[in-house]
Amino acid sequence: MKSRLSTRMFSLLVLLVLFAGALPLVAAQEPVSKDKIEQALLDEFNTSESGTANFFVVMDEQADLSAAYKIDDWDERGWYVYNTLTEVANRTQAPVVKYLAEHNIPYRSFYTINTVYIRGGSMELASALATIPSVQTLRLEGYAQIDPNAIVEAENGPEAYGWNLDTLDPGNADYGMQAAQVWDQYGIDGDGIVVANIDTGAYYQHEALVEQYRGNLGGGTFEHNYNWYDPTGTYPTAPGDNNSHGSGTIGIMAGQTPDLTEQIGVAPGSQWIACKGCASNSCYDADLIACADFI
């Protein structure tokens, strides 16, 4: 039986390059500074038919999380990181949010990167935000592209685990991860760990993924809240995948057949959650950062 599980590791290195700002418009007679507006955003304003663009206003202050490394308790560390990120974002974004709200301009605030996202903003708006001293820069929204060649059909074989988890033979282009040796020698297979991906989604009922899904409560009952999020709106209520790449990367992380005889993933004892940061082949910055906030 074939399953669309990718056989190559995909590290979606999300370059969350964004930008921030806010405060009242300057008087008409005062010069407008464009020093903080990146050239690509200026070009988009000049070339788009609507004269608008999707962009980020990145705040100059970013949260200092260095103290988190000294916190041994995992829950305490997690709350410290979350509270620090949100405190800095709420405090520094306040002038931006106030200005946008007063002018009825829709926006979205993010905190993993201290930035405010504006869809379809004008040059006039960007110029006003660029005058704010606390704004670092304004940047055009970009996107990452998934290589269609990374999506392949994988044949389920009778072996206990896939070649990529055991074989290491660079001479034959087999760059295995040697996960099986870790299981055997150290007894570590991911048990007690929750892993996550930001990708194209997940076939959560796939036979190699369903048992490890954290939202699987057993008996055919699932809880998707806090286990799945889709900012693209493609699968708002339950995990889905219209590309297969995300299902493949989850398989590489945690895949294992229900009979526990065929390990596809590096950590088959772990549980997984997921966020759909890629609508299909393209992964826009706003969706990727929304997923980062969710994770």
Protein backbone atom coordinates (compact mmCIF):
# COMPACT_ATOMS: atom_id res chain seq x y z
CA MET A 1 0.00 0.00 0.00
CA LYS A 2 1.36 3.34 -0.98
CA SER A 3 1.29 6.41 1.17
CA ARG A 4 2.27 9.91 0.22
CA LEU A 5 4.95 10.29 2.84
CA SER A 6 7.96 12.36 1.86
CA THR A 7 11.24 10.48 2.13
CA ARG A 8 13.43 13.49 2.52
CA MET A 9 13.75 15.80 5.47
CA PHE A 10 12.25 19.23 5.05
CA SER A 11 13.49 21.94 7.36
CA LEU A 12 11.11 24.78 6.80
CA LEU A 13 13.53 27.46 7.90
CA VAL A 14 11.03 30.20 8.36
CA LEU A 15 12.85 33.47 7.77
CA LEU A 16 10.30 35.51 9.67
CA VAL A 17 11.62 38.85 8.36
CA LEU A 18 8.96 41.41 9.30
CA PHE A 19 8.44 44.94 10.41
CA ALA A 20 6.63 47.28 12.84
CA GLY A 21 5.43 50.75 13.72
CA ALA A 22 2.61 53.08 14.71
CA LEU A 23 1.48 56.56 15.83
CA PRO A 24 -0.40 59.49 14.38
CA LEU A 25 0.03 60.80 10.86
CA VAL A 26 2.48 63.68 10.54
CA ALA A 27 1.24 67.07 9.47
CA ALA A 28 0.90 67.49 5.72
CA GLN A 29 3.60 70.15 5.52
CA GLU A 30 6.20 68.02 7.33
CA PRO A 31 8.56 65.84 5.29
CA VAL A 32 7.74 62.13 5.31
CA SER A 33 10.63 59.77 6.07
CA LYS A 34 10.87 56.65 3.93
CA ASP A 35 14.20 55.52 5.35
CA LYS A 36 12.55 52.67 7.26
CA ILE A 37 10.59 51.34 4.28
CA GLU A 38 12.45 48.63 2.42
CA GLN A 39 12.91 49.08 -1.31
CA ALA A 40 10.87 46.01 -2.24
CA LEU A 41 7.86 47.47 -0.45
CA LEU A 42 8.31 50.83 -2.17
CA ASP A 43 8.51 49.04 -5.51
CA GLU A 44 5.31 47.13 -4.76
CA PHE A 45 3.45 50.35 -4.00
CA ASN A 46 4.65 51.81 -7.30
CA THR A 47 3.92 48.79 -9.49
CA SER A 48 0.76 47.19 -8.09
CA GLU A 49 -2.49 48.13 -9.83
CA SER A 50 -4.16 48.96 -6.52
CA GLY A 51 -1.19 50.89 -5.17
CA THR A 52 -1.37 48.79 -2.00
CA ALA A 53 0.67 45.98 -0.49
CA ASN A 54 0.72 43.46 2.34
CA PHE A 55 3.47 44.41 4.76
CA PHE A 56 4.84 44.04 8.26
CA VAL A 57 5.63 46.80 10.72
CA VAL A 58 8.47 45.40 12.84
CA MET A 59 9.08 47.00 16.21
CA ASP A 60 12.61 47.94 17.18
CA GLU A 61 12.45 46.18 20.57
CA GLN A 62 12.42 42.39 20.51
CA ALA A 63 11.97 40.29 23.63
CA ASP A 64 15.10 39.13 25.46
CA LEU A 65 14.52 35.46 26.27
CA SER A 66 18.04 34.61 27.43
CA ALA A 67 16.90 34.10 31.04
CA ALA A 68 14.73 31.18 29.92
CA TYR A 69 17.79 28.95 29.55
CA LYS A 70 18.35 29.13 33.30
CA ILE A 71 14.85 27.82 34.11
CA ASP A 72 14.91 24.05 34.53
CA ASP A 73 11.18 23.46 34.98
CA TRP A 74 9.78 23.09 31.47
CA ASP A 75 6.32 24.49 32.25
CA GLU A 76 7.77 27.45 34.10
CA ARG A 77 10.16 28.11 31.23
CA GLY A 78 7.36 27.95 28.69
CA TRP A 79 5.20 30.43 30.58
CA TYR A 80 8.18 32.74 31.04
CA VAL A 81 8.78 32.78 27.29
CA TYR A 82 5.11 33.31 26.46
CA ASN A 83 4.60 36.05 29.05
CA THR A 84 7.78 37.86 28.05
CA LEU A 85 6.92 37.79 24.36
CA THR A 86 3.36 39.01 24.86
CA GLU A 87 4.34 41.72 27.36
CA VAL A 88 6.89 43.23 24.99
CA ALA A 89 4.51 42.98 22.02
CA ASN A 90 1.52 44.49 23.85
CA ARG A 91 3.57 47.36 25.27
CA THR A 92 5.56 48.34 22.19
CA GLN A 93 2.81 47.77 19.63
CA ALA A 94 0.30 49.89 21.54
CA PRO A 95 0.85 53.12 19.52
CA VAL A 96 0.60 51.20 16.25
CA VAL A 97 -2.53 49.37 17.30
CA LYS A 98 -4.11 52.59 18.56
CA TYR A 99 -3.48 54.39 15.29
CA LEU A 100 -4.77 51.51 13.17
CA ALA A 101 -7.88 51.10 15.31
CA GLU A 102 -8.66 54.83 15.19
CA HIS A 103 -8.47 54.74 11.40
CA ASN A 104 -10.44 51.48 11.05
CA ILE A 105 -7.49 49.71 9.43
CA PRO A 106 -7.55 45.90 9.87
CA TYR A 107 -4.36 44.40 11.25
CA ARG A 108 -2.95 41.36 13.00
CA SER A 109 -0.53 41.47 15.89
CA PHE A 110 2.20 38.84 16.32
CA TYR A 111 4.49 38.24 19.27
CA THR A 112 7.06 35.55 18.40
CA ILE A 113 8.34 38.27 16.10
CA ASN A 114 7.29 41.62 17.54
CA THR A 115 5.44 42.86 14.50
CA VAL A 116 2.09 44.03 13.17
CA TYR A 117 0.77 42.72 9.85
CA ILE A 118 -1.27 44.90 7.52
CA ARG A 119 -3.03 43.52 4.47
CA GLY A 120 -3.58 45.90 1.57
CA GLY A 121 -1.98 48.93 3.19
CA SER A 122 -1.24 52.13 1.31
CA MET A 123 1.94 54.11 0.80
CA GLU A 124 0.44 56.91 2.87
CA LEU A 125 -0.08 54.52 5.77
CA ALA A 126 3.42 53.08 5.50
CA SER A 127 4.92 56.57 5.40
CA ALA A 128 3.04 57.55 8.55
CA LEU A 129 4.18 54.44 10.42
CA ALA A 130 7.76 54.97 9.29
CA THR A 131 7.93 58.22 11.29
CA ILE A 132 7.47 56.36 14.59
CA PRO A 133 10.79 56.28 16.51
CA SER A 134 10.11 52.80 17.93
CA VAL A 135 9.59 51.28 14.48
CA GLN A 136 12.57 49.42 13.13
CA THR A 137 11.43 48.88 9.56
CA LEU A 138 8.53 48.10 7.24
CA ARG A 139 8.87 45.08 5.00
CA LEU A 140 6.91 43.58 2.13
CA GLU A 141 5.35 40.22 2.90
CA GLY A 142 7.26 37.41 1.26
CA TYR A 143 6.72 33.69 0.91
CA ALA A 144 8.56 30.40 0.86
CA GLN A 145 8.04 27.88 -1.91
CA ILE A 146 7.90 24.12 -1.44
CA ASP A 147 9.91 22.18 -4.00
CA PRO A 148 7.41 19.91 -5.81
CA ASN A 149 10.21 17.40 -6.34
CA ALA A 150 10.27 16.84 -2.57
CA ILE A 151 6.85 15.16 -2.78
CA VAL A 152 7.25 11.51 -3.68
CA GLU A 153 5.37 8.25 -3.41
CA ALA A 154 6.77 6.01 -0.68
CA GLU A 155 6.29 2.27 -0.79
CA ASN A 156 5.50 0.57 2.50
CA GLY A 157 7.89 -2.33 2.70
CA PRO A 158 8.16 -5.27 5.07
CA GLU A 159 11.31 -3.97 6.80
CA ALA A 160 11.09 -2.91 10.44
CA TYR A 161 12.10 0.64 9.56
CA GLY A 162 12.88 2.69 6.50
CA TRP A 163 16.33 2.92 4.97
CA ASN A 164 16.70 6.54 6.04
CA LEU A 165 16.45 5.63 9.72
CA ASP A 166 19.26 3.08 9.66
CA THR A 167 21.46 3.08 6.56
CA LEU A 168 24.41 5.43 6.46
CA ASP A 169 26.35 4.93 3.25
CA PRO A 170 27.30 8.27 1.64
CA GLY A 171 29.08 6.34 -1.11
CA ASN A 172 25.67 5.18 -2.33
CA ALA A 173 23.95 8.49 -1.53
CA ASP A 174 22.25 6.93 1.52
CA TYR A 175 22.46 9.61 4.17
CA GLY A 176 20.59 7.82 6.92
CA MET A 177 19.80 9.36 10.29
CA GLN A 178 20.78 6.26 12.28
CA ALA A 179 17.70 6.62 14.46
CA ALA A 180 17.37 2.87 14.90
CA GLN A 181 20.74 2.75 16.65
CA VAL A 182 19.55 5.37 19.14
CA TRP A 183 16.43 3.33 19.88
CA ASP A 184 18.43 0.14 20.39
CA GLN A 185 21.41 1.52 22.29
CA TYR A 186 19.76 4.17 24.45
CA GLY A 187 16.10 3.17 24.54
CA ILE A 188 15.07 6.63 23.34
CA ASP A 189 12.29 6.80 20.75
CA GLY A 190 10.57 10.08 21.60
CA ASP A 191 8.25 8.76 24.29
CA GLY A 192 6.84 11.62 26.36
CA ILE A 193 7.76 14.26 23.78
CA VAL A 194 5.42 16.36 21.62
CA VAL A 195 6.78 17.38 18.22
CA ALA A 196 5.27 19.87 15.79
CA ASN A 197 5.59 20.97 12.20
CA ILE A 198 4.68 24.08 10.25
CA ASP A 199 3.98 22.82 6.76
CA THR A 200 1.15 22.02 4.34
CA GLY A 201 -0.99 20.23 6.91
CA ALA A 202 -1.55 16.62 7.91
CA TYR A 203 -3.58 13.57 6.97
CA TYR A 204 -4.25 12.97 10.64
CA GLN A 205 -6.16 9.73 10.03
CA HIS A 206 -3.36 8.21 7.98
CA GLU A 207 -2.53 4.79 9.39
CA ALA A 208 1.06 5.80 10.15
CA LEU A 209 0.08 9.08 11.85
CA VAL A 210 -3.25 8.66 13.62
CA GLU A 211 -1.99 6.81 16.70
CA GLN A 212 0.64 9.46 17.41
CA TYR A 213 -1.66 12.47 16.90
CA ARG A 214 -2.03 14.24 20.27
CA GLY A 215 -5.62 15.02 19.41
CA ASN A 216 -6.52 11.32 19.22
CA LEU A 217 -8.51 10.62 22.40
CA GLY A 218 -9.20 7.03 21.44
CA GLY A 219 -12.35 5.25 20.34
CA GLY A 220 -12.58 7.33 17.18
CA THR A 221 -12.82 10.59 19.16
CA PHE A 222 -10.57 13.54 18.37
CA GLU A 223 -9.87 16.92 19.99
CA HIS A 224 -8.30 19.34 17.52
CA ASN A 225 -8.15 22.44 19.75
CA TYR A 226 -4.53 23.24 20.63
CA ASN A 227 -3.43 20.32 18.46
CA TRP A 228 -4.17 21.85 15.06
CA TYR A 229 -4.36 25.35 13.64
CA ASP A 230 -4.83 26.56 10.06
CA PRO A 231 -4.39 30.32 9.54
CA THR A 232 -4.85 29.83 5.77
CA GLY A 233 -8.48 28.82 6.39
CA THR A 234 -8.21 25.75 4.17
CA TYR A 235 -8.98 23.23 6.93
CA PRO A 236 -10.34 25.34 9.81
CA THR A 237 -11.83 22.59 11.97
CA ALA A 238 -9.66 19.48 11.57
CA PRO A 239 -6.23 18.65 10.15
CA GLY A 240 -6.01 18.30 6.38
CA ASP A 241 -3.33 18.34 3.74
CA ASN A 242 -3.85 19.43 0.13
CA ASN A 243 -0.20 18.89 -0.79
CA SER A 244 1.11 15.83 1.14
CA HIS A 245 4.39 17.47 2.07
CA GLY A 246 3.30 18.18 5.64
CA SER A 247 2.08 14.64 6.16
CA GLY A 248 5.44 13.46 4.90
CA THR A 249 7.45 15.55 7.34
CA ILE A 250 5.27 14.41 10.23
CA GLY A 251 5.89 10.86 9.08
CA ILE A 252 9.64 11.49 9.18
CA MET A 253 9.29 12.81 12.73
CA ALA A 254 6.80 10.44 14.32
CA GLY A 255 5.40 7.96 11.81
CA GLN A 256 4.63 4.41 12.93
CA THR A 257 2.06 1.87 11.80
CA PRO A 258 -0.71 0.94 14.28
CA ASP A 259 0.67 -2.57 14.78
CA LEU A 260 3.95 -0.93 15.91
CA THR A 261 5.94 -3.14 13.55
CA GLU A 262 7.00 -0.54 11.00
CA GLN A 263 8.70 2.63 12.21
CA ILE A 264 8.74 5.36 9.58
CA GLY A 265 9.72 8.26 11.83
CA VAL A 266 12.78 9.18 13.82
CA ALA A 267 10.75 9.43 17.05
CA PRO A 268 7.86 6.97 16.70
CA GLY A 269 7.16 7.11 20.43
CA SER A 270 6.36 10.83 20.34
CA GLN A 271 3.08 12.65 19.79
CA TRP A 272 2.61 15.31 17.14
CA ILE A 273 0.65 18.52 16.59
CA ALA A 274 0.68 20.64 13.44
CA CYS A 275 -0.03 24.03 11.91
CA LYS A 276 -0.78 24.69 8.25
CA GLY A 277 1.57 27.52 7.33
CA CYS A 278 1.47 26.72 3.62
CA ALA A 279 -1.78 27.13 1.72
CA SER A 280 -0.49 24.66 -0.86
CA ASN A 281 2.91 25.06 -2.51
CA SER A 282 3.40 28.61 -1.23
CA CYS A 283 3.92 29.58 2.41
CA TYR A 284 3.27 33.25 3.11
CA ASP A 285 5.02 35.02 5.98
CA ALA A 286 1.82 35.96 7.81
CA ASP A 287 0.66 32.34 7.90
CA LEU A 288 4.08 31.07 8.95
CA ILE A 289 4.32 33.57 11.80
CA ALA A 290 0.74 32.84 12.88
CA CYS A 291 1.83 29.22 13.14
CA ALA A 292 4.91 30.20 15.14
CA ASP A 293 2.65 32.05 17.59
CA PHE A 294 0.38 28.99 17.83
CA ILE A 295 3.23 26.55 18.40
